[in-house]
Amino acid sequence: MSVEGRFGVGAAVTVRYDVADPRRFEIQGWDATTADRVFAVVGSLLTGTTLLALLIRLLIRPLGL
């Protein structure tokens, strides 16, 4: 079994700490930002279309259409 890509053994990561609050930190090079961005865009599209459908439904119902 082999592990390929950036998440394999020996992957280079950088840990950055907040000087004012050491409990806050960020691990750079560990997370795949592409997946985060895809989920954010898909979630935004689903939320937007749901709200649009509800708004249209609310606007049509009082008119009796």
N, C-alpha and C. Protein backbone atom coordinates (compact mmCIF):
# COMPACT_ATOMS: atom_id res chain seq x y z
N MET A 1 0.85 -1.17 0.00
CA MET A 1 0.00 0.00 0.00
C MET A 1 0.89 1.23 0.00
N SER A 2 0.56 2.18 -0.84
CA SER A 2 1.37 3.40 -0.89
C SER A 2 0.46 4.62 -0.69
N VAL A 3 1.03 5.62 -0.11
CA VAL A 3 0.31 6.88 0.12
C VAL A 3 0.91 7.91 -0.81
N GLU A 4 0.08 8.49 -1.64
CA GLU A 4 0.57 9.46 -2.60
C GLU A 4 -0.05 10.82 -2.33
N GLY A 5 0.55 11.83 -2.90
CA GLY A 5 0.01 13.17 -2.78
C GLY A 5 0.60 13.93 -1.61
N ARG A 6 -0.01 15.04 -1.32
CA ARG A 6 0.50 15.94 -0.29
C ARG A 6 0.26 15.42 1.12
N PHE A 7 -0.59 14.42 1.29
CA PHE A 7 -0.96 13.98 2.62
C PHE A 7 -0.15 12.78 3.08
N GLY A 8 0.86 12.41 2.34
CA GLY A 8 1.65 11.24 2.68
C GLY A 8 2.63 11.52 3.81
N VAL A 9 3.31 10.49 4.22
CA VAL A 9 4.32 10.61 5.26
C VAL A 9 5.44 11.50 4.73
N GLY A 10 5.85 12.44 5.53
CA GLY A 10 6.91 13.35 5.12
C GLY A 10 6.42 14.58 4.41
N ALA A 11 5.10 14.80 4.38
CA ALA A 11 4.57 16.01 3.75
C ALA A 11 5.00 17.23 4.55
N ALA A 12 5.39 18.26 3.86
CA ALA A 12 5.85 19.48 4.52
C ALA A 12 4.66 20.31 4.99
N VAL A 13 4.63 20.61 6.27
CA VAL A 13 3.58 21.47 6.82
C VAL A 13 4.24 22.57 7.65
N THR A 14 3.55 23.68 7.76
CA THR A 14 4.02 24.80 8.57
C THR A 14 2.93 25.14 9.58
N VAL A 15 3.31 25.21 10.85
CA VAL A 15 2.35 25.57 11.89
C VAL A 15 2.62 27.02 12.28
N ARG A 16 1.60 27.86 12.14
CA ARG A 16 1.73 29.27 12.49
C ARG A 16 0.86 29.56 13.70
N TYR A 17 1.46 30.14 14.73
CA TYR A 17 0.75 30.45 15.97
C TYR A 17 0.47 31.94 16.06
N ASP A 18 -0.64 32.28 16.74
CA ASP A 18 -0.95 33.67 17.04
C ASP A 18 -0.18 34.05 18.30
N VAL A 19 0.64 35.08 18.22
CA VAL A 19 1.48 35.47 19.35
C VAL A 19 0.62 35.93 20.53
N ALA A 20 -0.47 36.63 20.25
CA ALA A 20 -1.33 37.14 21.32
C ALA A 20 -2.14 36.02 21.97
N ASP A 21 -2.49 35.00 21.22
CA ASP A 21 -3.30 33.90 21.75
C ASP A 21 -2.74 32.59 21.19
N PRO A 22 -1.82 31.94 21.89
CA PRO A 22 -1.17 30.73 21.37
C PRO A 22 -2.11 29.56 21.11
N ARG A 23 -3.34 29.61 21.64
CA ARG A 23 -4.28 28.54 21.38
C ARG A 23 -4.78 28.58 19.93
N ARG A 24 -4.64 29.74 19.28
CA ARG A 24 -5.05 29.88 17.89
C ARG A 24 -3.85 29.53 17.00
N PHE A 25 -4.05 28.59 16.09
CA PHE A 25 -2.97 28.22 15.19
C PHE A 25 -3.56 27.79 13.85
N GLU A 26 -2.70 27.77 12.86
CA GLU A 26 -3.08 27.37 11.52
C GLU A 26 -2.01 26.42 10.99
N ILE A 27 -2.45 25.33 10.40
CA ILE A 27 -1.52 24.38 9.80
C ILE A 27 -1.58 24.58 8.29
N GLN A 28 -0.53 25.13 7.72
CA GLN A 28 -0.49 25.36 6.28
C GLN A 28 0.14 24.16 5.59
N GLY A 29 -0.44 23.79 4.47
CA GLY A 29 0.06 22.66 3.73
C GLY A 29 -0.62 21.35 4.08
N TRP A 30 -1.52 21.37 5.03
CA TRP A 30 -2.21 20.15 5.46
C TRP A 30 -3.57 20.01 4.80
N ASP A 31 -4.34 21.09 4.78
CA ASP A 31 -5.68 21.05 4.23
C ASP A 31 -5.67 21.32 2.73
N ALA A 32 -6.56 20.67 2.05
CA ALA A 32 -6.74 20.93 0.62
C ALA A 32 -7.77 22.04 0.47
N THR A 33 -7.32 23.21 0.06
CA THR A 33 -8.25 24.35 -0.04
C THR A 33 -9.23 24.17 -1.19
N THR A 34 -8.90 23.34 -2.17
CA THR A 34 -9.80 23.14 -3.30
C THR A 34 -11.10 22.50 -2.83
N ALA A 35 -11.01 21.49 -2.00
CA ALA A 35 -12.22 20.82 -1.50
C ALA A 35 -13.06 21.78 -0.67
N ASP A 36 -12.41 22.59 0.17
CA ASP A 36 -13.14 23.57 0.97
C ASP A 36 -13.88 24.56 0.08
N ARG A 37 -13.22 25.01 -0.95
CA ARG A 37 -13.82 25.99 -1.86
C ARG A 37 -15.00 25.36 -2.61
N VAL A 38 -14.87 24.12 -3.05
CA VAL A 38 -15.96 23.45 -3.76
C VAL A 38 -17.18 23.30 -2.85
N PHE A 39 -16.96 22.86 -1.62
CA PHE A 39 -18.09 22.71 -0.69
C PHE A 39 -18.73 24.05 -0.38
N ALA A 40 -17.94 25.10 -0.25
CA ALA A 40 -18.49 26.43 0.02
C ALA A 40 -19.34 26.92 -1.15
N VAL A 41 -18.87 26.72 -2.36
CA VAL A 41 -19.62 27.17 -3.55
C VAL A 41 -20.90 26.37 -3.71
N VAL A 42 -20.81 25.05 -3.57
CA VAL A 42 -22.00 24.21 -3.72
C VAL A 42 -23.02 24.52 -2.62
N GLY A 43 -22.56 24.71 -1.40
CA GLY A 43 -23.47 25.06 -0.31
C GLY A 43 -24.13 26.41 -0.53
N SER A 44 -23.37 27.37 -1.04
CA SER A 44 -23.94 28.69 -1.33
C SER A 44 -24.98 28.61 -2.43
N LEU A 45 -24.70 27.83 -3.46
CA LEU A 45 -25.67 27.68 -4.55
C LEU A 45 -26.95 27.00 -4.06
N LEU A 46 -26.81 25.96 -3.26
CA LEU A 46 -28.01 25.29 -2.74
C LEU A 46 -28.82 26.21 -1.83
N THR A 47 -28.13 26.98 -1.00
CA THR A 47 -28.82 27.91 -0.11
C THR A 47 -29.53 28.99 -0.92
N GLY A 48 -28.84 29.53 -1.91
CA GLY A 48 -29.43 30.59 -2.73
C GLY A 48 -30.64 30.12 -3.51
N THR A 49 -30.56 28.94 -4.11
CA THR A 49 -31.70 28.44 -4.87
C THR A 49 -32.87 28.09 -3.97
N THR A 50 -32.59 27.58 -2.77
CA THR A 50 -33.67 27.29 -1.82
C THR A 50 -34.38 28.57 -1.39
N LEU A 51 -33.59 29.59 -1.08
CA LEU A 51 -34.20 30.87 -0.68
C LEU A 51 -34.99 31.49 -1.82
N LEU A 52 -34.47 31.38 -3.04
CA LEU A 52 -35.19 31.90 -4.20
C LEU A 52 -36.51 31.17 -4.39
N ALA A 53 -36.50 29.85 -4.26
CA ALA A 53 -37.73 29.07 -4.41
C ALA A 53 -38.75 29.44 -3.32
N LEU A 54 -38.29 29.61 -2.09
CA LEU A 54 -39.20 30.01 -1.01
C LEU A 54 -39.76 31.41 -1.24
N LEU A 55 -38.93 32.31 -1.71
CA LEU A 55 -39.40 33.67 -1.99
C LEU A 55 -40.43 33.68 -3.09
N ILE A 56 -40.19 32.94 -4.15
CA ILE A 56 -41.15 32.86 -5.24
C ILE A 56 -42.45 32.24 -4.74
N ARG A 57 -42.34 31.21 -3.93
CA ARG A 57 -43.54 30.56 -3.39
C ARG A 57 -44.35 31.53 -2.53
N LEU A 58 -43.65 32.34 -1.71
CA LEU A 58 -44.34 33.30 -0.86
C LEU A 58 -44.98 34.43 -1.66
N LEU A 59 -44.35 34.82 -2.75
CA LEU A 59 -44.90 35.89 -3.57
C LEU A 59 -46.08 35.42 -4.42
N ILE A 60 -46.07 34.19 -4.85
CA ILE A 60 -47.15 33.67 -5.70
C ILE A 60 -48.37 33.32 -4.88
N ARG A 61 -48.19 32.80 -3.66
CA ARG A 61 -49.31 32.35 -2.85
C ARG A 61 -50.31 33.48 -2.54
N PRO A 62 -49.89 34.69 -2.12
CA PRO A 62 -50.88 35.74 -1.84
C PRO A 62 -51.65 36.18 -3.07
N LEU A 63 -51.10 36.01 -4.26
CA LEU A 63 -51.79 36.41 -5.47
C LEU A 63 -52.83 35.39 -5.89
N GLY A 64 -52.80 34.21 -5.31
CA GLY A 64 -53.77 33.17 -5.63
C GLY A 64 -53.48 32.48 -6.94
N LEU A 65 -52.25 32.53 -7.40
CA LEU A 65 -51.89 31.88 -8.66
C LEU A 65 -51.56 30.43 -8.46
